Protein backbone atom coordinates (compact mmCIF):
# COMPACT_ATOMS: atom_id res chain seq x y z
CA GLN A 1 -7.77 9.73 16.08
CA VAL A 2 -6.81 7.33 13.30
CA HIS A 3 -3.36 5.84 12.79
CA LEU A 4 -1.98 3.76 9.93
CA VAL A 5 0.97 1.48 10.61
CA GLU A 6 2.89 -0.14 7.77
CA SER A 7 5.17 -3.15 7.89
CA GLY A 8 6.94 -5.57 5.59
CA GLY A 9 9.47 -3.50 3.71
CA GLY A 10 13.12 -4.43 3.40
CA LEU A 11 15.97 -5.41 1.12
CA VAL A 12 15.47 -8.14 -1.46
CA GLN A 13 17.28 -9.36 -4.54
CA ALA A 14 15.79 -8.90 -7.98
CA GLY A 15 13.23 -11.60 -8.66
CA GLY A 16 12.34 -11.90 -5.00
CA SER A 17 9.12 -11.16 -3.15
CA LEU A 18 7.90 -8.99 -0.31
CA ARG A 19 4.53 -8.49 1.32
CA LEU A 20 3.54 -5.12 2.73
CA SER A 21 0.81 -4.64 5.32
CA CYS A 22 -0.96 -1.52 6.52
CA ALA A 23 -3.31 -1.61 9.49
CA ALA A 24 -5.54 1.27 10.53
CA SER A 25 -6.67 1.80 14.09
CA GLY A 26 -8.90 4.30 15.82
CA SER A 27 -12.48 5.46 15.50
CA ILE A 28 -13.28 3.81 12.15
CA PHE A 29 -16.79 3.10 10.97
CA GLY A 30 -16.10 1.99 7.42
CA ILE A 31 -13.70 1.88 4.50
CA LYS A 32 -14.28 3.60 1.18
CA GLY A 33 -11.05 2.48 -0.45
CA MET A 34 -7.43 1.54 0.13
CA GLY A 35 -4.26 1.82 -1.88
CA TRP A 36 -0.52 1.80 -2.15
CA TYR A 37 1.70 4.53 -3.58
CA ARG A 38 5.45 4.80 -3.92
CA GLN A 39 8.08 7.48 -4.23
CA ALA A 40 11.56 6.88 -5.56
CA PRO A 41 14.41 9.34 -4.92
CA GLY A 42 14.05 12.42 -7.10
CA LYS A 43 10.65 11.35 -8.40
CA GLN A 44 7.05 12.22 -7.63
CA ARG A 45 4.83 9.92 -5.63
CA GLU A 46 2.99 7.54 -7.94
CA LEU A 47 0.05 5.20 -7.65
CA VAL A 48 0.89 1.50 -7.40
CA ALA A 49 -2.48 -0.13 -6.75
CA THR A 50 -5.89 0.60 -5.31
CA ILE A 51 -8.83 -1.47 -4.12
CA THR A 52 -12.36 -0.35 -3.35
CA SER A 53 -14.48 -1.58 -0.47
CA GLY A 54 -16.28 -3.74 -3.02
CA GLY A 55 -13.05 -5.37 -4.17
CA SER A 56 -12.44 -3.61 -7.49
CA ARG A 57 -8.71 -3.36 -8.15
CA ASN A 58 -6.59 -1.00 -10.20
CA TYR A 59 -2.87 -1.31 -10.91
CA ALA A 60 -0.15 0.80 -12.44
CA ASP A 61 0.97 -0.67 -15.75
CA SER A 62 4.48 -1.13 -14.38
CA VAL A 63 3.33 -3.61 -11.71
CA LYS A 64 0.50 -5.47 -13.45
CA GLY A 65 0.98 -9.21 -13.27
CA ARG A 66 3.59 -8.90 -10.51
CA PHE A 67 1.84 -7.13 -7.61
CA THR A 68 -1.46 -8.02 -5.95
CA ILE A 69 -3.43 -5.74 -3.65
CA SER A 70 -5.90 -7.17 -1.17
CA GLY A 71 -7.85 -5.89 1.77
CA ASP A 72 -9.43 -7.13 4.96
CA ASN A 73 -12.20 -4.69 5.82
CA ALA A 74 -12.87 -6.37 9.15
CA LYS A 75 -9.27 -5.71 10.19
CA ASN A 76 -8.98 -2.32 8.44
CA THR A 77 -5.88 -3.71 6.77
CA VAL A 78 -4.57 -3.52 3.22
CA TYR A 79 -1.84 -5.75 1.80
CA LEU A 80 0.47 -5.58 -1.19
CA GLN A 81 2.04 -8.81 -2.37
CA MET A 82 5.02 -7.97 -4.57
CA ASN A 83 6.54 -10.72 -6.70
CA SER A 84 9.25 -10.71 -9.38
CA LEU A 85 10.65 -7.52 -7.92
CA LYS A 86 12.89 -5.35 -10.07
CA PRO A 87 15.49 -2.73 -9.09
CA GLU A 88 13.17 -0.06 -10.48
CA ASP A 89 10.62 -1.01 -7.80
CA THR A 90 12.97 0.49 -5.21
CA ALA A 91 11.10 3.26 -3.39
CA VAL A 92 9.38 4.26 -0.20
CA TYR A 93 5.94 2.69 -0.25
CA TYR A 94 3.02 4.50 1.37
CA CYS A 95 -0.38 3.06 2.15
CA ASN A 96 -3.52 5.12 1.88
CA GLN A 97 -6.94 4.44 3.34
CA TYR A 98 -10.09 6.47 2.64
CA LEU A 99 -12.01 5.97 5.85
CA VAL A 100 -15.34 6.79 7.42
CA THR A 101 -14.51 7.99 10.91
CA GLY A 102 -16.24 9.66 13.81
CA ARG A 103 -15.12 13.04 12.40
CA GLY A 104 -16.17 12.39 8.81
CA VAL A 105 -14.65 10.82 5.70
CA TYR A 106 -10.94 11.44 5.28
CA ASP A 107 -7.81 10.21 3.53
CA TYR A 108 -5.15 8.79 5.81
CA TRP A 109 -1.54 7.93 5.00
CA GLY A 110 0.96 5.54 6.52
CA GLN A 111 4.45 6.59 7.52
CA GLY A 112 6.09 4.84 4.59
CA THR A 113 8.22 1.72 4.39
CA GLN A 114 11.42 1.37 2.37
CA VAL A 115 11.62 -1.31 -0.30
CA THR A 116 15.04 -1.83 -1.84
CA VAL A 117 15.61 -4.27 -4.68
CA SER A 118 19.21 -5.10 -5.50
CA SER A 119 20.33 -6.25 -8.94
């Protein structure tokens, strides 16, 4: 069984920084891709950033130049460095990992971590 555990959320003032982490554990044989998504109250979940196992990155326009996604395949961990945070970045952030496991290739989601940016 595979579990994803997120950490690093919290309350920060506008202009501040936070770093999110998401570590996967269990019967994992490889990583196809990793990403971060977010969901603000009353809104649909949206993509924030993704990274492939080869290191190719993709960002939502709203976070380009401010957020950086990185991954450590050896640790099955994905990170999201968030700088110059804005109140509109307030949301629950979810990590996603597309993993090769003993049961096959599946998408896994973290439990979500709250990020609140005050003005």
